Amino acid sequence: MFTQAQKRKLHSVHSLLIGREFLGEIETGRANVKFAFSPTTATLASEKIVLTGTFSVKSGGGTRRVNKVNATLLATQGGIQSAPPTPAGATDSMLGAVHSSPLPATDATGSRGYVGVMYFKLSALDGTKLGVPFDLSSVQLNVRLNPIDETARTLQFWFSVAVNAVQGESPNRNLASQSLSEINKLLTA
């Protein structure tokens, strides 16, 4: 049996935001295994957005889970299509956070700017316990935000506000707290 140190390292996995979950596949060579990261809370730690939830893998007819997995936001990339719609209850100060940018105006900046991809660092996972033949001790979770449902669209809006409030040119702790509160409501609804 291979130990975690003997296995080939898996450096990153790609996922899509569907509803409240980040869903993707890991190619193992033999077959692809489906995974889900299901965040249940969003917090601010050391001036970084951290999602905490369950990482699960479906393979061989069963599902294996690890609870209390942290995903720390490392970076984001702007989207290139229309900005996410404004959800009910959003105030002008919140809208300003997602619809303003110091970057040059393009199709995806200024009033049309928003977060389209998020890059997270996952806490160490044990590939053996998850049934994945890789070293998962240092995996980056790449999340594409191209929502196909209302929950994902609303989460994309609040992630955009939170990212700008935390990492923008003028960080705003109060707005960060408000937007993380909205994200937490959606994650537990």
C-alpha atoms as a PDB file:
ATOM      1  CA  MET A   1       0.000   0.000   0.000  1.00  0.00           C
ATOM      2  CA  PHE A   2       1.253   3.480  -0.850  1.00  0.00           C
ATOM      3  CA  THR A   3       1.592   6.095   1.870  1.00  0.00           C
ATOM      4  CA  GLN A   4       0.576   9.721   1.360  1.00  0.00           C
ATOM      5  CA  ALA A   5       4.266  10.668   0.880  1.00  0.00           C
ATOM      6  CA  GLN A   6       4.751   8.023  -1.871  1.00  0.00           C
ATOM      7  CA  LYS A   7       1.736   9.047  -3.940  1.00  0.00           C
ATOM      8  CA  ARG A   8       1.800  11.504  -6.792  1.00  0.00           C
ATOM      9  CA  LYS A   9       0.750  14.983  -5.655  1.00  0.00           C
ATOM     10  CA  LEU A  10      -2.502  16.416  -6.914  1.00  0.00           C
ATOM     11  CA  HIS A  11      -1.974  20.178  -7.125  1.00  0.00           C
ATOM     12  CA  SER A  12      -5.365  21.507  -8.217  1.00  0.00           C
ATOM     13  CA  VAL A  13      -8.908  20.503  -9.055  1.00  0.00           C
ATOM     14  CA  HIS A  14     -11.521  22.364 -11.062  1.00  0.00           C
ATOM     15  CA  SER A  15     -15.121  22.809  -9.964  1.00  0.00           C
ATOM     16  CA  LEU A  16     -18.322  24.661 -10.805  1.00  0.00           C
ATOM     17  CA  LEU A  17     -20.667  26.374  -8.366  1.00  0.00           C
ATOM     18  CA  ILE A  18     -23.999  24.550  -8.582  1.00  0.00           C
ATOM     19  CA  GLY A  19     -26.493  25.656  -5.953  1.00  0.00           C
ATOM     20  CA  ARG A  20     -24.460  25.826  -2.725  1.00  0.00           C
ATOM     21  CA  GLU A  21     -21.805  23.279  -3.746  1.00  0.00           C
ATOM     22  CA  PHE A  22     -18.567  23.278  -5.705  1.00  0.00           C
ATOM     23  CA  LEU A  23     -18.781  20.182  -7.923  1.00  0.00           C
ATOM     24  CA  GLY A  24     -16.054  18.602 -10.036  1.00  0.00           C
ATOM     25  CA  GLU A  25     -14.161  15.471 -11.033  1.00  0.00           C
ATOM     26  CA  ILE A  26     -10.725  14.112 -10.286  1.00  0.00           C
ATOM     27  CA  GLU A  27      -9.125  12.113 -13.099  1.00  0.00           C
ATOM     28  CA  THR A  28      -7.376   9.115 -11.555  1.00  0.00           C
ATOM     29  CA  GLY A  29      -6.188   7.371 -14.717  1.00  0.00           C
ATOM     30  CA  ARG A  30      -8.532   4.441 -14.148  1.00  0.00           C
ATOM     31  CA  ALA A  31     -11.720   6.420 -13.847  1.00  0.00           C
ATOM     32  CA  ASN A  32     -12.935   9.849 -12.927  1.00  0.00           C
ATOM     33  CA  VAL A  33     -14.280  10.295  -9.418  1.00  0.00           C
ATOM     34  CA  LYS A  34     -16.800  12.991  -8.647  1.00  0.00           C
ATOM     35  CA  PHE A  35     -16.172  15.326  -5.730  1.00  0.00           C
ATOM     36  CA  ALA A  36     -18.110  18.029  -3.946  1.00  0.00           C
ATOM     37  CA  PHE A  37     -17.032  20.738  -1.557  1.00  0.00           C
ATOM     38  CA  SER A  38     -20.109  21.786   0.403  1.00  0.00           C
ATOM     39  CA  PRO A  39     -19.341  24.897   2.446  1.00  0.00           C
ATOM     40  CA  THR A  40     -21.487  25.554   5.510  1.00  0.00           C
ATOM     41  CA  THR A  41     -19.814  28.712   6.855  1.00  0.00           C
ATOM     42  CA  ALA A  42     -17.881  31.692   5.525  1.00  0.00           C
ATOM     43  CA  THR A  43     -15.607  33.651   7.863  1.00  0.00           C
ATOM     44  CA  LEU A  44     -12.804  36.177   7.768  1.00  0.00           C
ATOM     45  CA  ALA A  45      -9.486  34.945   9.217  1.00  0.00           C
ATOM     46  CA  SER A  46      -6.221  36.882   8.963  1.00  0.00           C
ATOM     47  CA  GLU A  47      -7.891  39.171   6.390  1.00  0.00           C
ATOM     48  CA  LYS A  48      -8.745  36.208   4.141  1.00  0.00           C
ATOM     49  CA  ILE A  49     -12.112  34.703   3.304  1.00  0.00           C
ATOM     50  CA  VAL A  50     -12.333  31.113   4.587  1.00  0.00           C
ATOM     51  CA  LEU A  51     -15.103  28.662   3.746  1.00  0.00           C
ATOM     52  CA  THR A  52     -15.538  25.625   5.987  1.00  0.00           C
ATOM     53  CA  GLY A  53     -17.528  22.559   5.019  1.00  0.00           C
ATOM     54  CA  THR A  54     -17.528  18.962   3.865  1.00  0.00           C
ATOM     55  CA  PHE A  55     -15.370  17.521   1.079  1.00  0.00           C
ATOM     56  CA  SER A  56     -16.867  14.340  -0.365  1.00  0.00           C
ATOM     57  CA  VAL A  57     -15.814  11.907  -3.074  1.00  0.00           C
ATOM     58  CA  LYS A  58     -18.084   9.449  -4.910  1.00  0.00           C
ATOM     59  CA  SER A  59     -16.281   6.364  -6.166  1.00  0.00           C
ATOM     60  CA  GLY A  60     -16.881   2.639  -6.290  1.00  0.00           C
ATOM     61  CA  GLY A  61     -20.573   3.028  -5.532  1.00  0.00           C
ATOM     62  CA  GLY A  62     -20.012   4.834  -2.223  1.00  0.00           C
ATOM     63  CA  THR A  63     -19.394   8.292  -0.890  1.00  0.00           C
ATOM     64  CA  ARG A  64     -16.569   9.194   1.475  1.00  0.00           C
ATOM     65  CA  ARG A  65     -16.594  12.463   3.417  1.00  0.00           C
ATOM     66  CA  VAL A  66     -14.279  14.673   5.405  1.00  0.00           C
ATOM     67  CA  ASN A  67     -15.943  17.300   7.589  1.00  0.00           C
ATOM     68  CA  LYS A  68     -14.519  20.643   8.744  1.00  0.00           C
ATOM     69  CA  VAL A  69     -12.399  21.184   5.631  1.00  0.00           C
ATOM     70  CA  ASN A  70     -11.195  24.775   5.261  1.00  0.00           C
ATOM     71  CA  ALA A  71     -10.912  26.493   1.897  1.00  0.00           C
ATOM     72  CA  THR A  72      -8.891  29.724   2.172  1.00  0.00           C
ATOM     73  CA  LEU A  73      -9.345  32.197  -0.669  1.00  0.00           C
ATOM     74  CA  LEU A  74      -6.011  32.881  -2.366  1.00  0.00           C
ATOM     75  CA  ALA A  75      -7.055  34.900  -5.414  1.00  0.00           C
ATOM     76  CA  THR A  76      -9.884  35.668  -7.806  1.00  0.00           C
ATOM     77  CA  GLN A  77     -10.362  36.400 -11.473  1.00  0.00           C
ATOM     78  CA  GLY A  78     -13.006  38.709 -12.891  1.00  0.00           C
ATOM     79  CA  GLY A  79     -15.841  37.395 -15.007  1.00  0.00           C
ATOM     80  CA  ILE A  80     -16.326  38.246 -18.676  1.00  0.00           C
ATOM     81  CA  GLN A  81     -20.099  38.096 -19.120  1.00  0.00           C
ATOM     82  CA  SER A  82     -22.896  40.144 -17.575  1.00  0.00           C
ATOM     83  CA  ALA A  83     -22.572  40.938 -13.874  1.00  0.00           C
ATOM     84  CA  PRO A  84     -24.715  38.843 -11.526  1.00  0.00           C
ATOM     85  CA  PRO A  85     -28.179  40.277 -10.851  1.00  0.00           C
ATOM     86  CA  THR A  86     -28.643  42.260  -7.669  1.00  0.00           C
ATOM     87  CA  PRO A  87     -30.520  40.214  -5.050  1.00  0.00           C
ATOM     88  CA  ALA A  88     -33.371  41.664  -3.028  1.00  0.00           C
ATOM     89  CA  GLY A  89     -32.166  43.449   0.094  1.00  0.00           C
ATOM     90  CA  ALA A  90     -28.861  44.686  -1.325  1.00  0.00           C
ATOM     91  CA  THR A  91     -28.145  48.303  -0.420  1.00  0.00           C
ATOM     92  CA  ASP A  92     -26.411  51.005  -2.465  1.00  0.00           C
ATOM     93  CA  SER A  93     -23.203  50.635  -0.415  1.00  0.00           C
ATOM     94  CA  MET A  94     -23.134  46.907  -1.185  1.00  0.00           C
ATOM     95  CA  LEU A  95     -23.768  47.539  -4.880  1.00  0.00           C
ATOM     96  CA  GLY A  96     -20.902  50.005  -4.990  1.00  0.00           C
ATOM     97  CA  ALA A  97     -18.561  47.265  -3.790  1.00  0.00           C
ATOM     98  CA  VAL A  98     -19.370  44.902  -6.635  1.00  0.00           C
ATOM     99  CA  HIS A  99     -19.977  47.493  -9.328  1.00  0.00           C
ATOM    100  CA  SER A 100     -16.875  49.666  -9.006  1.00  0.00           C
ATOM    101  CA  SER A 101     -13.246  49.023  -9.794  1.00  0.00           C
ATOM    102  CA  PRO A 102     -10.006  51.004 -10.131  1.00  0.00           C
ATOM    103  CA  LEU A 103      -9.130  48.889 -13.207  1.00  0.00           C
ATOM    104  CA  PRO A 104      -9.419  50.251 -16.761  1.00  0.00           C
ATOM    105  CA  ALA A 105     -12.945  49.989 -18.157  1.00  0.00           C
ATOM    106  CA  THR A 106     -13.550  46.849 -20.231  1.00  0.00           C
ATOM    107  CA  ASP A 107     -16.539  44.601 -20.763  1.00  0.00           C
ATOM    108  CA  ALA A 108     -15.998  43.102 -17.299  1.00  0.00           C
ATOM    109  CA  THR A 109     -14.892  46.002 -15.100  1.00  0.00           C
ATOM    110  CA  GLY A 110     -16.552  49.020 -13.550  1.00  0.00           C
ATOM    111  CA  SER A 111     -20.309  48.605 -13.302  1.00  0.00           C
ATOM    112  CA  ARG A 112     -20.044  45.232 -15.067  1.00  0.00           C
ATOM    113  CA  GLY A 113     -17.201  43.793 -12.962  1.00  0.00           C
ATOM    114  CA  TYR A 114     -17.613  40.788 -10.678  1.00  0.00           C
ATOM    115  CA  VAL A 115     -15.863  37.622  -9.491  1.00  0.00           C
ATOM    116  CA  GLY A 116     -15.898  34.876 -12.126  1.00  0.00           C
ATOM    117  CA  VAL A 117     -13.321  32.439 -10.685  1.00  0.00           C
ATOM    118  CA  MET A 118     -12.123  31.870  -7.119  1.00  0.00           C
ATOM    119  CA  TYR A 119      -8.933  30.031  -6.169  1.00  0.00           C
ATOM    120  CA  PHE A 120      -8.897  28.369  -2.735  1.00  0.00           C
ATOM    121  CA  LYS A 121      -6.253  26.448  -0.799  1.00  0.00           C
ATOM    122  CA  LEU A 122      -7.866  23.402   0.844  1.00  0.00           C
ATOM    123  CA  SER A 123      -6.764  22.137   4.227  1.00  0.00           C
ATOM    124  CA  ALA A 124      -4.805  18.868   3.959  1.00  0.00           C
ATOM    125  CA  LEU A 125      -6.868  15.847   2.923  1.00  0.00           C
ATOM    126  CA  ASP A 126      -6.000  12.153   3.129  1.00  0.00           C
ATOM    127  CA  GLY A 127      -6.357  10.634  -0.339  1.00  0.00           C
ATOM    128  CA  THR A 128      -6.392   7.094   1.053  1.00  0.00           C
ATOM    129  CA  LYS A 129      -9.389   7.803   3.313  1.00  0.00           C
ATOM    130  CA  LEU A 130     -11.205   9.431   0.386  1.00  0.00           C
ATOM    131  CA  GLY A 131     -10.380   6.565  -1.987  1.00  0.00           C
ATOM    132  CA  VAL A 132      -8.305   8.802  -4.296  1.00  0.00           C
ATOM    133  CA  PRO A 133      -4.850   7.526  -5.313  1.00  0.00           C
ATOM    134  CA  PHE A 134      -3.105  10.905  -4.873  1.00  0.00           C
ATOM    135  CA  ASP A 135      -1.369  12.943  -2.202  1.00  0.00           C
ATOM    136  CA  LEU A 136      -4.032  15.548  -1.347  1.00  0.00           C
ATOM    137  CA  SER A 137      -2.009  17.352   1.311  1.00  0.00           C
ATOM    138  CA  SER A 138      -1.810  20.618  -0.638  1.00  0.00           C
ATOM    139  CA  VAL A 139      -4.633  21.038  -3.163  1.00  0.00           C
ATOM    140  CA  GLN A 140      -5.894  24.214  -4.784  1.00  0.00           C
ATOM    141  CA  LEU A 141      -9.652  24.275  -5.450  1.00  0.00           C
ATOM    142  CA  ASN A 142     -10.451  26.336  -8.564  1.00  0.00           C
ATOM    143  CA  VAL A 143     -14.103  27.401  -8.624  1.00  0.00           C
ATOM    144  CA  ARG A 144     -15.707  28.722 -11.811  1.00  0.00           C
ATOM    145  CA  LEU A 145     -18.748  30.894 -11.159  1.00  0.00           C
ATOM    146  CA  ASN A 146     -21.100  30.535 -14.122  1.00  0.00           C
ATOM    147  CA  PRO A 147     -24.378  30.113 -12.255  1.00  0.00           C
ATOM    148  CA  ILE A 148     -27.257  28.147 -13.713  1.00  0.00           C
ATOM    149  CA  ASP A 149     -29.555  28.487 -10.707  1.00  0.00           C
ATOM    150  CA  GLU A 150     -30.820  31.293  -8.473  1.00  0.00           C
ATOM    151  CA  THR A 151     -28.878  30.237  -5.353  1.00  0.00           C
ATOM    152  CA  ALA A 152     -25.580  30.190  -7.247  1.00  0.00           C
ATOM    153  CA  ARG A 153     -26.356  33.580  -8.874  1.00  0.00           C
ATOM    154  CA  THR A 154     -27.039  35.140  -5.488  1.00  0.00           C
ATOM    155  CA  LEU A 155     -23.912  33.545  -3.985  1.00  0.00           C
ATOM    156  CA  GLN A 156     -21.854  34.926  -6.884  1.00  0.00           C
ATOM    157  CA  PHE A 157     -23.129  38.425  -6.119  1.00  0.00           C
ATOM    158  CA  TRP A 158     -22.274  38.169  -2.407  1.00  0.00           C
ATOM    159  CA  PHE A 159     -18.893  36.558  -3.099  1.00  0.00           C
ATOM    160  CA  SER A 160     -18.154  39.526  -5.387  1.00  0.00           C
ATOM    161  CA  VAL A 161     -19.103  41.998  -2.662  1.00  0.00           C
ATOM    162  CA  ALA A 162     -17.093  40.119  -0.018  1.00  0.00           C
ATOM    163  CA  VAL A 163     -13.984  39.843  -2.197  1.00  0.00           C
ATOM    164  CA  ASN A 164     -14.033  43.549  -3.010  1.00  0.00           C
ATOM    165  CA  ALA A 165     -14.666  44.444   0.651  1.00  0.00           C
ATOM    166  CA  VAL A 166     -11.703  42.310   1.779  1.00  0.00           C
ATOM    167  CA  GLN A 167      -9.224  42.555  -1.100  1.00  0.00           C
ATOM    168  CA  GLY A 168     -10.293  45.729  -2.889  1.00  0.00           C
ATOM    169  CA  GLU A 169      -8.451  49.020  -3.078  1.00  0.00           C
ATOM    170  CA  SER A 170     -10.298  50.299   0.020  1.00  0.00           C
ATOM    171  CA  PRO A 171     -11.003  47.319   2.318  1.00  0.00           C
ATOM    172  CA  ASN A 172     -14.226  47.672   4.287  1.00  0.00           C
ATOM    173  CA  ARG A 173     -14.508  45.333   7.284  1.00  0.00           C
ATOM    174  CA  ASN A 174     -18.144  46.252   7.956  1.00  0.00           C
ATOM    175  CA  LEU A 175     -19.174  45.469   4.380  1.00  0.00           C
ATOM    176  CA  ALA A 176     -17.114  42.267   4.489  1.00  0.00           C
ATOM    177  CA  SER A 177     -19.000  41.206   7.611  1.00  0.00           C
ATOM    178  CA  GLN A 178     -22.378  42.037   6.034  1.00  0.00           C
ATOM    179  CA  SER A 179     -21.622  40.115   2.851  1.00  0.00           C
ATOM    180  CA  LEU A 180     -20.257  37.085   4.735  1.00  0.00           C
ATOM    181  CA  SER A 181     -23.454  37.109   6.797  1.00  0.00           C
ATOM    182  CA  GLU A 182     -25.502  36.988   3.575  1.00  0.00           C
ATOM    183  CA  ILE A 183     -23.320  34.136   2.252  1.00  0.00           C
ATOM    184  CA  ASN A 184     -23.814  32.208   5.514  1.00  0.00           C
ATOM    185  CA  LYS A 185     -27.598  32.592   5.254  1.00  0.00           C
ATOM    186  CA  LEU A 186     -27.490  31.095   1.755  1.00  0.00           C
ATOM    187  CA  LEU A 187     -25.163  28.266   2.758  1.00  0.00           C
ATOM    188  CA  THR A 188     -27.459  27.140   5.564  1.00  0.00           C
ATOM    189  CA  ALA A 189     -30.831  27.743   3.875  1.00  0.00           C
END
